[in-house]
């Protein structure tokens, strides 16, 4: 939905420009998500180094339960 106003403004300039705008938006979105994913994985790797391995299953279960509760309450 974020691209819709930009896409609608690009249409009067031409259909080729609208497609180029959509392509650039898609590629920029993919690049940003990839960058933040790598950044997050690096940060999580540092955090998980300090946690003993026996607590990993409990930690993953807590995260799944927290996300499920968030989606149930606010979703």
Protein backbone atom coordinates (compact mmCIF):
# COMPACT_ATOMS: atom_id res chain seq x y z
CA UNK A 1 0.00 0.00 0.00
CA UNK A 2 2.93 2.37 0.50
CA UNK A 3 3.70 2.46 -3.23
CA UNK A 4 0.12 3.21 -4.31
CA UNK A 5 0.29 7.05 -4.14
CA UNK A 6 3.68 7.09 -5.86
CA UNK A 7 2.46 4.67 -8.51
CA UNK A 8 -0.67 6.74 -9.18
CA UNK A 9 1.42 9.91 -9.52
CA UNK A 10 3.78 8.15 -11.94
CA UNK A 11 0.98 6.98 -14.29
CA UNK A 12 0.37 10.36 -16.00
CA UNK A 13 4.07 10.54 -16.90
CA UNK A 14 3.81 7.24 -18.70
CA UNK A 15 3.24 3.56 -18.20
CA UNK A 16 6.95 2.78 -18.64
CA UNK A 17 7.83 5.22 -15.86
CA UNK A 18 5.17 3.66 -13.62
CA UNK A 19 6.64 0.19 -14.19
CA UNK A 20 10.14 1.52 -13.54
CA UNK A 21 8.92 3.11 -10.33
CA UNK A 22 7.36 -0.17 -9.21
CA UNK A 23 10.54 -2.05 -10.07
CA UNK A 24 12.77 0.38 -8.16
CA UNK A 25 10.40 0.31 -5.19
CA UNK A 26 10.44 -3.49 -5.15
CA UNK A 27 14.20 -3.74 -5.39
CA UNK A 28 14.72 -1.09 -2.71
CA UNK A 29 12.28 -2.89 -0.43
CA UNK A 30 14.07 -6.21 -0.92
CA UNK A 31 17.47 -4.59 -0.29
CA UNK A 32 16.26 -2.86 2.88
CA UNK A 33 14.67 -6.03 4.25
CA UNK A 34 17.81 -8.02 3.49
CA UNK A 35 20.00 -5.39 5.17
CA UNK A 36 17.88 -5.37 8.33
CA UNK A 37 17.70 -9.17 8.35
CA UNK A 38 21.49 -9.48 8.22
CA UNK A 39 21.85 -6.74 10.84
CA UNK A 40 19.34 -8.48 13.10
CA UNK A 41 20.96 -11.89 12.67
CA UNK A 42 24.33 -10.43 13.62
CA UNK A 43 22.86 -8.83 16.71
CA UNK A 44 20.97 -11.97 17.70
CA UNK A 45 24.09 -14.08 17.26
CA UNK A 46 25.86 -11.90 19.80
CA UNK A 47 22.93 -12.14 22.22
CA UNK A 48 22.62 -15.91 21.89
CA UNK A 49 26.33 -16.43 22.54
CA UNK A 50 25.74 -15.40 26.16
CA UNK A 51 22.73 -17.68 26.71
CA UNK A 52 23.47 -21.31 27.61
CA UNK A 53 22.28 -23.71 24.92
CA UNK A 54 19.93 -25.53 27.30
CA UNK A 55 17.68 -22.44 27.38
CA UNK A 56 17.35 -22.09 23.59
CA UNK A 57 14.14 -24.13 23.29
CA UNK A 58 12.48 -22.19 26.11
CA UNK A 59 13.54 -18.90 24.54
CA UNK A 60 12.17 -19.87 21.11
CA UNK A 61 8.92 -21.01 22.72
CA UNK A 62 8.61 -17.71 24.56
CA UNK A 63 9.11 -15.75 21.34
CA UNK A 64 6.48 -17.83 19.52
CA UNK A 65 4.03 -17.38 22.39
CA UNK A 66 4.71 -13.64 22.55
CA UNK A 67 4.14 -13.21 18.81
CA UNK A 68 0.97 -15.31 18.98
CA UNK A 69 -0.34 -13.23 21.87
CA UNK A 70 0.48 -10.01 20.04
CA UNK A 71 -1.36 -11.16 16.91
CA UNK A 72 -4.33 -12.40 18.95
CA UNK A 73 -4.70 -9.24 21.02
CA UNK A 74 -3.71 -6.51 18.58
CA UNK A 75 -4.22 -8.23 15.23
